[in-house]
Amino acid sequence: MAYAIMRAEKLSNMGAVAASMQHCYRERETRNADPKRTPDNQHLVAKNTDEAMGKLRALLPEKRRKDAVLAVEYVMSASPEWFVTATPEQEKALFQQSLQWLADKYGADRIITASIH
């Protein structure tokens, strides 16, 4: 039986946000990623870490608490057995539905970046 998977992680400092984005954009060594498949990754909204960090800074208030959550990173996927039989169209639909869920919950303007790996 296949399952939907969602993980959320609060990021409360700019270093953690930048590190997460560098991982997603493969701008740093990512041991669990196959470098041969990196060119197949797709990035929406922002095309690199610098652009995404600029978008985040524009959204954040100038004054904020020291312990404020600056961003929430979501990983949305499905169990491996689903991908065995899923068509490319079904994979695309899964990603679009995930992105739409985030837009409905937080607002499309609050999505800093989205990556498909």
PDB file of N, CA and C in Angstrom:
ATOM      1  N   MET A   1       0.845  -1.177   0.000  1.00  0.00           N
ATOM      2  CA  MET A   1       0.000   0.000   0.000  1.00  0.00           C
ATOM      3  C   MET A   1       0.889   1.239   0.000  1.00  0.00           C
ATOM      4  N   ALA A   2       0.558   2.200  -0.837  1.00  0.00           N
ATOM      5  CA  ALA A   2       1.320   3.436  -0.945  1.00  0.00           C
ATOM      6  C   ALA A   2       0.768   4.486   0.007  1.00  0.00           C
ATOM      7  N   TYR A   3       1.639   5.364   0.454  1.00  0.00           N
ATOM      8  CA  TYR A   3       1.267   6.418   1.389  1.00  0.00           C
ATOM      9  C   TYR A   3       1.787   7.762   0.916  1.00  0.00           C
ATOM     10  N   ALA A   4       1.052   8.823   1.253  1.00  0.00           N
ATOM     11  CA  ALA A   4       1.553  10.179   1.072  1.00  0.00           C
ATOM     12  C   ALA A   4       2.476  10.474   2.246  1.00  0.00           C
ATOM     13  N   ILE A   5       3.524  11.236   1.989  1.00  0.00           N
ATOM     14  CA  ILE A   5       4.502  11.576   3.022  1.00  0.00           C
ATOM     15  C   ILE A   5       4.671  13.090   3.056  1.00  0.00           C
ATOM     16  N   MET A   6       4.623  13.664   4.242  1.00  0.00           N
ATOM     17  CA  MET A   6       4.887  15.086   4.408  1.00  0.00           C
ATOM     18  C   MET A   6       5.699  15.275   5.682  1.00  0.00           C
ATOM     19  N   ARG A   7       6.783  16.039   5.563  1.00  0.00           N
ATOM     20  CA  ARG A   7       7.602  16.377   6.720  1.00  0.00           C
ATOM     21  C   ARG A   7       7.737  17.885   6.746  1.00  0.00           C
ATOM     22  N   ALA A   8       7.615  18.462   7.926  1.00  0.00           N
ATOM     23  CA  ALA A   8       7.769  19.908   8.089  1.00  0.00           C
ATOM     24  C   ALA A   8       8.864  20.166   9.118  1.00  0.00           C
ATOM     25  N   GLU A   9       9.688  21.160   8.836  1.00  0.00           N
ATOM     26  CA  GLU A   9      10.745  21.538   9.774  1.00  0.00           C
ATOM     27  C   GLU A   9      10.810  23.052   9.882  1.00  0.00           C
ATOM     28  N   LYS A  10      10.739  23.553  11.104  1.00  0.00           N
ATOM     29  CA  LYS A  10      10.845  24.986  11.341  1.00  0.00           C
ATOM     30  C   LYS A  10      12.311  25.402  11.245  1.00  0.00           C
ATOM     31  N   LEU A  11      12.548  26.513  10.574  1.00  0.00           N
ATOM     32  CA  LEU A  11      13.892  27.068  10.442  1.00  0.00           C
ATOM     33  C   LEU A  11      13.885  28.440  11.109  1.00  0.00           C
ATOM     34  N   SER A  12      14.703  28.593  12.157  1.00  0.00           N
ATOM     35  CA  SER A  12      14.608  29.808  12.954  1.00  0.00           C
ATOM     36  C   SER A  12      15.832  30.710  12.896  1.00  0.00           C
ATOM     37  N   ASN A  13      16.745  30.446  11.965  1.00  0.00           N
ATOM     38  CA  ASN A  13      17.826  31.408  11.751  1.00  0.00           C
ATOM     39  C   ASN A  13      18.223  31.377  10.277  1.00  0.00           C
ATOM     40  N   MET A  14      18.809  32.456   9.815  1.00  0.00           N
ATOM     41  CA  MET A  14      19.139  32.594   8.398  1.00  0.00           C
ATOM     42  C   MET A  14      20.135  31.539   7.940  1.00  0.00           C
ATOM     43  N   GLY A  15      21.031  31.119   8.814  1.00  0.00           N
ATOM     44  CA  GLY A  15      21.991  30.073   8.460  1.00  0.00           C
ATOM     45  C   GLY A  15      21.296  28.763   8.139  1.00  0.00           C
ATOM     46  N   ALA A  16      20.294  28.394   8.945  1.00  0.00           N
ATOM     47  CA  ALA A  16      19.549  27.160   8.706  1.00  0.00           C
ATOM     48  C   ALA A  16      18.747  27.252   7.411  1.00  0.00           C
ATOM     49  N   VAL A  17      18.167  28.413   7.147  1.00  0.00           N
ATOM     50  CA  VAL A  17      17.402  28.599   5.911  1.00  0.00           C
ATOM     51  C   VAL A  17      18.339  28.483   4.709  1.00  0.00           C
ATOM     52  N   ALA A  18      19.475  29.169   4.752  1.00  0.00           N
ATOM     53  CA  ALA A  18      20.433  29.133   3.635  1.00  0.00           C
ATOM     54  C   ALA A  18      20.965  27.721   3.418  1.00  0.00           C
ATOM     55  N   ALA A  19      21.269  27.015   4.497  1.00  0.00           N
ATOM     56  CA  ALA A  19      21.769  25.639   4.366  1.00  0.00           C
ATOM     57  C   ALA A  19      20.728  24.735   3.726  1.00  0.00           C
ATOM     58  N   SER A  20      19.470  24.890   4.117  1.00  0.00           N
ATOM     59  CA  SER A  20      18.395  24.099   3.531  1.00  0.00           C
ATOM     60  C   SER A  20      18.274  24.380   2.032  1.00  0.00           C
ATOM     61  N   MET A  21      18.338  25.647   1.669  1.00  0.00           N
ATOM     62  CA  MET A  21      18.217  26.006   0.255  1.00  0.00           C
ATOM     63  C   MET A  21      19.419  25.529  -0.553  1.00  0.00           C
ATOM     64  N   GLN A  22      20.611  25.647   0.007  1.00  0.00           N
ATOM     65  CA  GLN A  22      21.800  25.157  -0.698  1.00  0.00           C
ATOM     66  C   GLN A  22      21.702  23.655  -0.931  1.00  0.00           C
ATOM     67  N   HIS A  23      21.122  22.937   0.025  1.00  0.00           N
ATOM     68  CA  HIS A  23      20.894  21.508  -0.139  1.00  0.00           C
ATOM     69  C   HIS A  23      19.913  21.260  -1.285  1.00  0.00           C
ATOM     70  N   CYS A  24      18.797  21.977  -1.285  1.00  0.00           N
ATOM     71  CA  CYS A  24      17.773  21.783  -2.318  1.00  0.00           C
ATOM     72  C   CYS A  24      18.276  22.128  -3.710  1.00  0.00           C
ATOM     73  N   TYR A  25      19.061  23.199  -3.818  1.00  0.00           N
ATOM     74  CA  TYR A  25      19.592  23.618  -5.110  1.00  0.00           C
ATOM     75  C   TYR A  25      20.871  22.871  -5.480  1.00  0.00           C
ATOM     76  N   ARG A  26      21.322  21.990  -4.603  1.00  0.00           N
ATOM     77  CA  ARG A  26      22.550  21.204  -4.812  1.00  0.00           C
ATOM     78  C   ARG A  26      23.760  22.123  -5.001  1.00  0.00           C
ATOM     79  N   GLU A  27      23.783  23.222  -4.250  1.00  0.00           N
ATOM     80  CA  GLU A  27      24.904  24.152  -4.270  1.00  0.00           C
ATOM     81  C   GLU A  27      25.955  23.755  -3.238  1.00  0.00           C
ATOM     82  N   ARG A  28      25.690  22.712  -2.503  1.00  0.00           N
ATOM     83  CA  ARG A  28      26.641  22.145  -1.555  1.00  0.00           C
ATOM     84  C   ARG A  28      26.607  20.640  -1.741  1.00  0.00           C
ATOM     85  N   GLU A  29      27.624  19.959  -1.241  1.00  0.00           N
ATOM     86  CA  GLU A  29      27.669  18.505  -1.378  1.00  0.00           C
ATOM     87  C   GLU A  29      26.446  17.888  -0.700  1.00  0.00           C
ATOM     88  N   THR A  30      25.783  17.030  -1.432  1.00  0.00           N
ATOM     89  CA  THR A  30      24.574  16.377  -0.929  1.00  0.00           C
ATOM     90  C   THR A  30      24.775  14.874  -1.110  1.00  0.00           C
ATOM     91  N   ARG A  31      25.196  14.221  -0.047  1.00  0.00           N
ATOM     92  CA  ARG A  31      25.590  12.812  -0.124  1.00  0.00           C
ATOM     93  C   ARG A  31      24.467  11.876  -0.553  1.00  0.00           C
ATOM     94  N   ASN A  32      23.251  12.196  -0.196  1.00  0.00           N
ATOM     95  CA  ASN A  32      22.141  11.293  -0.527  1.00  0.00           C
ATOM     96  C   ASN A  32      21.558  11.555  -1.914  1.00  0.00           C
ATOM     97  N   ALA A  33      22.193  12.404  -2.714  1.00  0.00           N
ATOM     98  CA  ALA A  33      21.702  12.733  -4.049  1.00  0.00           C
ATOM     99  C   ALA A  33      22.667  12.202  -5.110  1.00  0.00           C
ATOM    100  N   ASP A  34      22.108  11.648  -6.159  1.00  0.00           N
ATOM    101  CA  ASP A  34      22.896  11.158  -7.280  1.00  0.00           C
ATOM    102  C   ASP A  34      23.252  12.344  -8.174  1.00  0.00           C
ATOM    103  N   PRO A  35      24.542  12.717  -8.253  1.00  0.00           N
ATOM    104  CA  PRO A  35      24.932  13.896  -9.041  1.00  0.00           C
ATOM    105  C   PRO A  35      24.549  13.792 -10.522  1.00  0.00           C
ATOM    106  N   LYS A  36      24.423  12.568 -11.025  1.00  0.00           N
ATOM    107  CA  LYS A  36      24.037  12.387 -12.428  1.00  0.00           C
ATOM    108  C   LYS A  36      22.587  12.803 -12.666  1.00  0.00           C
ATOM    109  N   ARG A  37      21.777  12.782 -11.609  1.00  0.00           N
ATOM    110  CA  ARG A  37      20.361  13.127 -11.756  1.00  0.00           C
ATOM    111  C   ARG A  37      20.066  14.586 -11.413  1.00  0.00           C
ATOM    112  N   THR A  38      21.050  15.301 -10.885  1.00  0.00           N
ATOM    113  CA  THR A  38      20.856  16.700 -10.496  1.00  0.00           C
ATOM    114  C   THR A  38      20.329  17.571 -11.637  1.00  0.00           C
ATOM    115  N   PRO A  39      20.805  17.395 -12.877  1.00  0.00           N
ATOM    116  CA  PRO A  39      20.253  18.231 -13.965  1.00  0.00           C
ATOM    117  C   PRO A  39      18.754  18.025 -14.197  1.00  0.00           C
ATOM    118  N   ASP A  40      18.191  16.915 -13.716  1.00  0.00           N
ATOM    119  CA  ASP A  40      16.756  16.658 -13.870  1.00  0.00           C
ATOM    120  C   ASP A  40      15.912  17.404 -12.841  1.00  0.00           C
ATOM    121  N   ASN A  41      16.543  17.950 -11.797  1.00  0.00           N
ATOM    122  CA  ASN A  41      15.805  18.670 -10.763  1.00  0.00           C
ATOM    123  C   ASN A  41      15.160  19.915 -11.367  1.00  0.00           C
ATOM    124  N   GLN A  42      13.994  20.266 -10.843  1.00  0.00           N
ATOM    125  CA  GLN A  42      13.286  21.468 -11.285  1.00  0.00           C
ATOM    126  C   GLN A  42      13.116  22.401 -10.095  1.00  0.00           C
ATOM    127  N   HIS A  43      13.297  23.694 -10.344  1.00  0.00           N
ATOM    128  CA  HIS A  43      13.144  24.687  -9.283  1.00  0.00           C
ATOM    129  C   HIS A  43      12.170  25.754  -9.757  1.00  0.00           C
ATOM    130  N   LEU A  44      11.146  25.983  -8.938  1.00  0.00           N
ATOM    131  CA  LEU A  44      10.127  26.976  -9.261  1.00  0.00           C
ATOM    132  C   LEU A  44      10.235  28.148  -8.298  1.00  0.00           C
ATOM    133  N   VAL A  45       9.706  29.261  -8.669  1.00  0.00           N
ATOM    134  CA  VAL A  45       9.647  30.511  -7.909  1.00  0.00           C
ATOM    135  C   VAL A  45      11.016  31.181  -7.897  1.00  0.00           C
ATOM    136  N   ALA A  46      12.018  30.567  -7.276  1.00  0.00           N
ATOM    137  CA  ALA A  46      13.380  31.110  -7.257  1.00  0.00           C
ATOM    138  C   ALA A  46      14.304  30.090  -7.908  1.00  0.00           C
ATOM    139  N   LYS A  47      15.314  30.558  -8.594  1.00  0.00           N
ATOM    140  CA  LYS A  47      16.208  29.671  -9.346  1.00  0.00           C
ATOM    141  C   LYS A  47      17.497  29.313  -8.613  1.00  0.00           C
ATOM    142  N   ASN A  48      17.777  29.991  -7.488  1.00  0.00           N
ATOM    143  CA  ASN A  48      18.979  29.662  -6.715  1.00  0.00           C
ATOM    144  C   ASN A  48      18.812  30.190  -5.286  1.00  0.00           C
ATOM    145  N   THR A  49      19.778  29.859  -4.445  1.00  0.00           N
ATOM    146  CA  THR A  49      19.703  30.243  -3.038  1.00  0.00           C
ATOM    147  C   THR A  49      19.664  31.755  -2.857  1.00  0.00           C
ATOM    148  N   ASP A  50      20.498  32.482  -3.593  1.00  0.00           N
ATOM    149  CA  ASP A  50      20.530  33.937  -3.432  1.00  0.00           C
ATOM    150  C   ASP A  50      19.176  34.578  -3.747  1.00  0.00           C
ATOM    151  N   GLU A  51      18.552  34.127  -4.827  1.00  0.00           N
ATOM    152  CA  GLU A  51      17.245  34.676  -5.192  1.00  0.00           C
ATOM    153  C   GLU A  51      16.199  34.329  -4.129  1.00  0.00           C
ATOM    154  N   ALA A  52      16.220  33.090  -3.660  1.00  0.00           N
ATOM    155  CA  ALA A  52      15.256  32.660  -2.642  1.00  0.00           C
ATOM    156  C   ALA A  52      15.461  33.422  -1.332  1.00  0.00           C
ATOM    157  N   MET A  53      16.706  33.615  -0.930  1.00  0.00           N
ATOM    158  CA  MET A  53      16.976  34.363   0.308  1.00  0.00           C
ATOM    159  C   MET A  53      16.516  35.810   0.167  1.00  0.00           C
ATOM    160  N   GLY A  54      16.669  36.393  -1.010  1.00  0.00           N
ATOM    161  CA  GLY A  54      16.177  37.752  -1.242  1.00  0.00           C
ATOM    162  C   GLY A  54      14.667  37.827  -1.094  1.00  0.00           C
ATOM    163  N   LYS A  55      13.963  36.842  -1.621  1.00  0.00           N
ATOM    164  CA  LYS A  55      12.502  36.800  -1.491  1.00  0.00           C
ATOM    165  C   LYS A  55      12.097  36.654  -0.033  1.00  0.00           C
ATOM    166  N   LEU A  56      12.813  35.828   0.713  1.00  0.00           N
ATOM    167  CA  LEU A  56      12.509  35.650   2.135  1.00  0.00           C
ATOM    168  C   LEU A  56      12.738  36.952   2.898  1.00  0.00           C
ATOM    169  N   ARG A  57      13.871  37.595   2.677  1.00  0.00           N
ATOM    170  CA  ARG A  57      14.170  38.848   3.379  1.00  0.00           C
ATOM    171  C   ARG A  57      13.099  39.912   3.101  1.00  0.00           C
ATOM    172  N   ALA A  58      12.582  39.923   1.888  1.00  0.00           N
ATOM    173  CA  ALA A  58      11.542  40.900   1.533  1.00  0.00           C
ATOM    174  C   ALA A  58      10.238  40.631   2.284  1.00  0.00           C
ATOM    175  N   LEU A  59       9.976  39.386   2.645  1.00  0.00           N
ATOM    176  CA  LEU A  59       8.746  39.035   3.358  1.00  0.00           C
ATOM    177  C   LEU A  59       8.845  39.228   4.870  1.00  0.00           C
ATOM    178  N   LEU A  60      10.049  39.115   5.412  1.00  0.00           N
ATOM    179  CA  LEU A  60      10.213  39.164   6.863  1.00  0.00           C
ATOM    180  C   LEU A  60      10.106  40.593   7.391  1.00  0.00           C
ATOM    181  N   PRO A  61       9.504  40.758   8.561  1.00  0.00           N
ATOM    182  CA  PRO A  61       9.465  42.095   9.166  1.00  0.00           C
ATOM    183  C   PRO A  61      10.866  42.521   9.598  1.00  0.00           C
ATOM    184  N   GLU A  62      11.095  43.823   9.635  1.00  0.00           N
ATOM    185  CA  GLU A  62      12.420  44.326  10.021  1.00  0.00           C
ATOM    186  C   GLU A  62      12.743  43.943  11.464  1.00  0.00           C
ATOM    187  N   LYS A  63      11.761  44.081  12.342  1.00  0.00           N
ATOM    188  CA  LYS A  63      11.955  43.704  13.744  1.00  0.00           C
ATOM    189  C   LYS A  63      11.208  42.406  13.995  1.00  0.00           C
ATOM    190  N   ARG A  64      11.908  41.469  14.612  1.00  0.00           N
ATOM    191  CA  ARG A  64      11.286  40.189  14.946  1.00  0.00           C
ATOM    192  C   ARG A  64      11.959  39.619  16.183  1.00  0.00           C
ATOM    193  N   ARG A  65      11.270  38.707  16.821  1.00  0.00           N
ATOM    194  CA  ARG A  65      11.810  38.071  18.023  1.00  0.00           C
ATOM    195  C   ARG A  65      13.054  37.262  17.663  1.00  0.00           C
ATOM    196  N   LYS A  66      13.957  37.124  18.623  1.00  0.00           N
ATOM    197  CA  LYS A  66      15.161  36.329  18.393  1.00  0.00           C
ATOM    198  C   LYS A  66      14.828  34.878  18.094  1.00  0.00           C
ATOM    199  N   ASP A  67      13.764  34.365  18.697  1.00  0.00           N
ATOM    200  CA  ASP A  67      13.406  32.954  18.513  1.00  0.00           C
ATOM    201  C   ASP A  67      12.302  32.745  17.474  1.00  0.00           C
ATOM    202  N   ALA A  68      12.081  33.736  16.623  1.00  0.00           N
ATOM    203  CA  ALA A  68      11.019  33.632  15.619  1.00  0.00           C
ATOM    204  C   ALA A  68      11.346  32.549  14.584  1.00  0.00           C
ATOM    205  N   VAL A  69      10.326  31.880  14.111  1.00  0.00           N
ATOM    206  CA  VAL A  69      10.478  30.936  13.000  1.00  0.00           C
ATOM    207  C   VAL A  69      10.492  31.764  11.724  1.00  0.00           C
ATOM    208  N   LEU A  70      11.574  31.652  10.949  1.00  0.00           N
ATOM    209  CA  LEU A  70      11.714  32.444   9.731  1.00  0.00           C
ATOM    210  C   LEU A  70      11.085  31.764   8.519  1.00  0.00           C
ATOM    211  N   ALA A  71      11.107  30.443   8.523  1.00  0.00           N
ATOM    212  CA  ALA A  71      10.554  29.685   7.399  1.00  0.00           C
ATOM    213  C   ALA A  71      10.219  28.277   7.876  1.00  0.00           C
ATOM    214  N   VAL A  72       9.368  27.629   7.123  1.00  0.00           N
ATOM    215  CA  VAL A  72       9.062  26.221   7.376  1.00  0.00           C
ATOM    216  C   VAL A  72       9.366  25.482   6.086  1.00  0.00           C
ATOM    217  N   GLU A  73      10.222  24.481   6.198  1.00  0.00           N
ATOM    218  CA  GLU A  73      10.570  23.657   5.044  1.00  0.00           C
ATOM    219  C   GLU A  73       9.644  22.450   5.026  1.00  0.00           C
ATOM    220  N   TYR A  74       8.990  22.242   3.902  1.00  0.00           N
ATOM    221  CA  TYR A  74       8.126  21.075   3.735  1.00  0.00           C
ATOM    222  C   TYR A  74       8.760  20.133   2.724  1.00  0.00           C
ATOM    223  N   VAL A  75       8.749  18.853   3.038  1.00  0.00           N
ATOM    224  CA  VAL A  75       9.091  17.812   2.076  1.00  0.00           C
ATOM    225  C   VAL A  75       7.809  17.027   1.857  1.00  0.00           C
ATOM    226  N   MET A  76       7.353  16.997   0.623  1.00  0.00           N
ATOM    227  CA  MET A  76       6.112  16.290   0.285  1.00  0.00           C
ATOM    228  C   MET A  76       6.452  15.256  -0.774  1.00  0.00           C
ATOM    229  N   SER A  77       6.067  14.017  -0.490  1.00  0.00           N
ATOM    230  CA  SER A  77       6.435  12.923  -1.380  1.00  0.00           C
ATOM    231  C   SER A  77       5.422  11.800  -1.228  1.00  0.00           C
ATOM    232  N   ALA A  78       5.807  10.634  -1.678  1.00  0.00           N
ATOM    233  CA  ALA A  78       4.994   9.424  -1.536  1.00  0.00           C
ATOM    234  C   ALA A  78       5.942   8.283  -1.213  1.00  0.00           C
ATOM    235  N   SER A  79       5.381   7.216  -0.713  1.00  0.00           N
ATOM    236  CA  SER A  79       6.205   6.056  -0.386  1.00  0.00           C
ATOM    237  C   SER A  79       6.829   5.481  -1.665  1.00  0.00           C
ATOM    238  N   PRO A  80       7.998   4.868  -1.538  1.00  0.00           N
ATOM    239  CA  PRO A  80       8.720   4.387  -2.724  1.00  0.00           C
ATOM    240  C   PRO A  80       7.901   3.468  -3.632  1.00  0.00           C
ATOM    241  N   GLU A  81       7.045   2.633  -3.053  1.00  0.00           N
ATOM    242  CA  GLU A  81       6.274   1.720  -3.899  1.00  0.00           C
ATOM    243  C   GLU A  81       5.309   2.457  -4.830  1.00  0.00           C
ATOM    244  N   TRP A  82       4.877   3.652  -4.458  1.00  0.00           N
ATOM    245  CA  TRP A  82       4.000   4.427  -5.337  1.00  0.00           C
ATOM    246  C   TRP A  82       4.745   4.820  -6.613  1.00  0.00           C
ATOM    247  N   PHE A  83       6.008   5.227  -6.454  1.00  0.00           N
ATOM    248  CA  PHE A  83       6.793   5.675  -7.607  1.00  0.00           C
ATOM    249  C   PHE A  83       7.094   4.545  -8.587  1.00  0.00           C
ATOM    250  N   VAL A  84       7.044   3.300  -8.142  1.00  0.00           N
ATOM    251  CA  VAL A  84       7.307   2.157  -9.020  1.00  0.00           C
ATOM    252  C   VAL A  84       6.282   2.096 -10.155  1.00  0.00           C
ATOM    253  N   THR A  85       5.024   2.389  -9.847  1.00  0.00           N
ATOM    254  CA  THR A  85       3.970   2.286 -10.855  1.00  0.00           C
ATOM    255  C   THR A  85       3.448   3.637 -11.341  1.00  0.00           C
ATOM    256  N   ALA A  86       3.854   4.718 -10.714  1.00  0.00           N
ATOM    257  CA  ALA A  86       3.349   6.045 -11.086  1.00  0.00           C
ATOM    258  C   ALA A  86       3.870   6.466 -12.453  1.00  0.00           C
ATOM    259  N   THR A  87       2.988   7.064 -13.226  1.00  0.00           N
ATOM    260  CA  THR A  87       3.384   7.608 -14.530  1.00  0.00           C
ATOM    261  C   THR A  87       3.973   9.006 -14.319  1.00  0.00           C
ATOM    262  N   PRO A  88       4.697   9.514 -15.298  1.00  0.00           N
ATOM    263  CA  PRO A  88       5.191  10.893 -15.174  1.00  0.00           C
ATOM    264  C   PRO A  88       4.056  11.894 -14.944  1.00  0.00           C
ATOM    265  N   GLU A  89       2.898  11.650 -15.532  1.00  0.00           N
ATOM    266  CA  GLU A  89       1.756  12.546 -15.340  1.00  0.00           C
ATOM    267  C   GLU A  89       1.257  12.495 -13.901  1.00  0.00           C
ATOM    268  N   GLN A  90       1.241  11.297 -13.308  1.00  0.00           N
ATOM    269  CA  GLN A  90       0.827  11.161 -11.914  1.00  0.00           C
ATOM    270  C   GLN A  90       1.825  11.832 -10.983  1.00  0.00           C
ATOM    271  N   GLU A  91       3.117  11.709 -11.274  1.00  0.00           N
ATOM    272  CA  GLU A  91       4.136  12.377 -10.461  1.00  0.00           C
ATOM    273  C   GLU A  91       3.964  13.886 -10.535  1.00  0.00           C
ATOM    274  N   LYS A  92       3.728  14.401 -11.737  1.00  0.00           N
ATOM    275  CA  LYS A  92       3.515  15.844 -11.917  1.00  0.00           C
ATOM    276  C   LYS A  92       2.273  16.296 -11.149  1.00  0.00           C
ATOM    277  N   ALA A  93       1.207  15.498 -11.213  1.00  0.00           N
ATOM    278  CA  ALA A  93      -0.029  15.834 -10.501  1.00  0.00           C
ATOM    279  C   ALA A  93       0.199  15.853  -8.994  1.00  0.00           C
ATOM    280  N   LEU A  94       0.979  14.903  -8.475  1.00  0.00           N
ATOM    281  CA  LEU A  94       1.301  14.875  -7.039  1.00  0.00           C
ATOM    282  C   LEU A  94       1.999  16.163  -6.630  1.00  0.00           C
ATOM    283  N   PHE A  95       2.971  16.588  -7.419  1.00  0.00           N
ATOM    284  CA  PHE A  95       3.682  17.812  -7.085  1.00  0.00           C
ATOM    285  C   PHE A  95       2.760  19.017  -7.171  1.00  0.00           C
ATOM    286  N   GLN A  96       1.950  19.105  -8.209  1.00  0.00           N
ATOM    287  CA  GLN A  96       1.043  20.247  -8.361  1.00  0.00           C
ATOM    288  C   GLN A  96       0.033  20.307  -7.217  1.00  0.00           C
ATOM    289  N   GLN A  97      -0.489  19.151  -6.797  1.00  0.00           N
ATOM    290  CA  GLN A  97      -1.431  19.121  -5.681  1.00  0.00           C
ATOM    291  C   GLN A  97      -0.742  19.534  -4.378  1.00  0.00           C
ATOM    292  N   SER A  98       0.487  19.116  -4.198  1.00  0.00           N
ATOM    293  CA  SER A  98       1.241  19.491  -2.995  1.00  0.00           C
ATOM    294  C   SER A  98       1.475  20.999  -2.960  1.00  0.00           C
ATOM    295  N   LEU A  99       1.891  21.548  -4.089  1.00  0.00           N
ATOM    296  CA  LEU A  99       2.133  22.988  -4.181  1.00  0.00           C
ATOM    297  C   LEU A  99       0.837  23.772  -3.972  1.00  0.00           C
ATOM    298  N   GLN A 100      -0.262  23.270  -4.525  1.00  0.00           N
ATOM    299  CA  GLN A 100      -1.549  23.936  -4.349  1.00  0.00           C
ATOM    300  C   GLN A 100      -1.988  23.905  -2.888  1.00  0.00           C
ATOM    301  N   TRP A 101      -1.728  22.797  -2.197  1.00  0.00           N
ATOM    302  CA  TRP A 101      -2.073  22.694  -0.779  1.00  0.00           C
ATOM    303  C   TRP A 101      -1.329  23.765   0.014  1.00  0.00           C
ATOM    304  N   LEU A 102      -0.037  23.923  -0.275  1.00  0.00           N
ATOM    305  CA  LEU A 102       0.746  24.956   0.418  1.00  0.00           C
ATOM    306  C   LEU A 102       0.215  26.351   0.101  1.00  0.00           C
ATOM    307  N   ALA A 103      -0.106  26.605  -1.169  1.00  0.00           N
ATOM    308  CA  ALA A 103      -0.630  27.916  -1.571  1.00  0.00           C
ATOM    309  C   ALA A 103      -1.964  28.202  -0.892  1.00  0.00           C
ATOM    310  N   ASP A 104      -2.836  27.189  -0.803  1.00  0.00           N
ATOM    311  CA  ASP A 104      -4.123  27.375  -0.144  1.00  0.00           C
ATOM    312  C   ASP A 104      -3.955  27.625   1.355  1.00  0.00           C
ATOM    313  N   LYS A 105      -3.007  26.943   1.956  1.00  0.00           N
ATOM    314  CA  LYS A 105      -2.801  27.054   3.405  1.00  0.00           C
ATOM    315  C   LYS A 105      -2.110  28.361   3.793  1.00  0.00           C
ATOM    316  N   TYR A 106      -1.078  28.766   3.026  1.00  0.00           N
ATOM    317  CA  TYR A 106      -0.260  29.914   3.418  1.00  0.00           C
ATOM    318  C   TYR A 106      -0.350  31.109   2.473  1.00  0.00           C
ATOM    319  N   GLY A 107      -0.822  30.884   1.258  1.00  0.00           N
ATOM    320  CA  GLY A 107      -0.835  31.930   0.239  1.00  0.00           C
ATOM    321  C   GLY A 107       0.303  31.705  -0.739  1.00  0.00           C
ATOM    322  N   ALA A 108       0.004  31.779  -2.017  1.00  0.00           N
ATOM    323  CA  ALA A 108       1.017  31.531  -3.046  1.00  0.00           C
ATOM    324  C   ALA A 108       2.188  32.502  -2.932  1.00  0.00           C
ATOM    325  N   ASP A 109       1.912  33.724  -2.484  1.00  0.00           N
ATOM    326  CA  ASP A 109       2.966  34.735  -2.351  1.00  0.00           C
ATOM    327  C   ASP A 109       3.938  34.422  -1.219  1.00  0.00           C
ATOM    328  N   ARG A 110       3.619  33.476  -0.352  1.00  0.00           N
ATOM    329  CA  ARG A 110       4.478  33.116   0.773  1.00  0.00           C
ATOM    330  C   ARG A 110       5.384  31.931   0.465  1.00  0.00           C
ATOM    331  N   ILE A 111       5.229  31.340  -0.723  1.00  0.00           N
ATOM    332  CA  ILE A 111       6.096  30.229  -1.125  1.00  0.00           C
ATOM    333  C   ILE A 111       7.367  30.822  -1.704  1.00  0.00           C
ATOM    334  N   ILE A 112       8.490  30.595  -1.024  1.00  0.00           N
ATOM    335  CA  ILE A 112       9.773  31.182  -1.422  1.00  0.00           C
ATOM    336  C   ILE A 112      10.382  30.408  -2.586  1.00  0.00           C
ATOM    337  N   THR A 113      10.312  29.102  -2.510  1.00  0.00           N
ATOM    338  CA  THR A 113      10.855  28.249  -3.571  1.00  0.00           C
ATOM    339  C   THR A 113      10.186  26.899  -3.498  1.00  0.00           C
ATOM    340  N   ALA A 114      10.242  26.176  -4.585  1.00  0.00           N
ATOM    341  CA  ALA A 114       9.728  24.813  -4.652  1.00  0.00           C
ATOM    342  C   ALA A 114      10.647  24.032  -5.576  1.00  0.00           C
ATOM    343  N   SER A 115      11.070  22.865  -5.130  1.00  0.00           N
ATOM    344  CA  SER A 115      11.999  22.044  -5.913  1.00  0.00           C
ATOM    345  C   SER A 115      11.433  20.653  -6.098  1.00  0.00           C
ATOM    346  N   ILE A 116      11.647  20.100  -7.284  1.00  0.00           N
ATOM    347  CA  ILE A 116      11.268  18.727  -7.568  1.00  0.00           C
ATOM    348  C   ILE A 116      12.571  17.956  -7.764  1.00  0.00           C
ATOM    349  N   HIS A 117      12.774  16.949  -6.928  1.00  0.00           N
ATOM    350  CA  HIS A 117      13.975  16.107  -7.041  1.00  0.00           C
ATOM    351  C   HIS A 117      13.565  14.716  -7.410  1.00  0.00           C
TER     352      HIS A 117
END
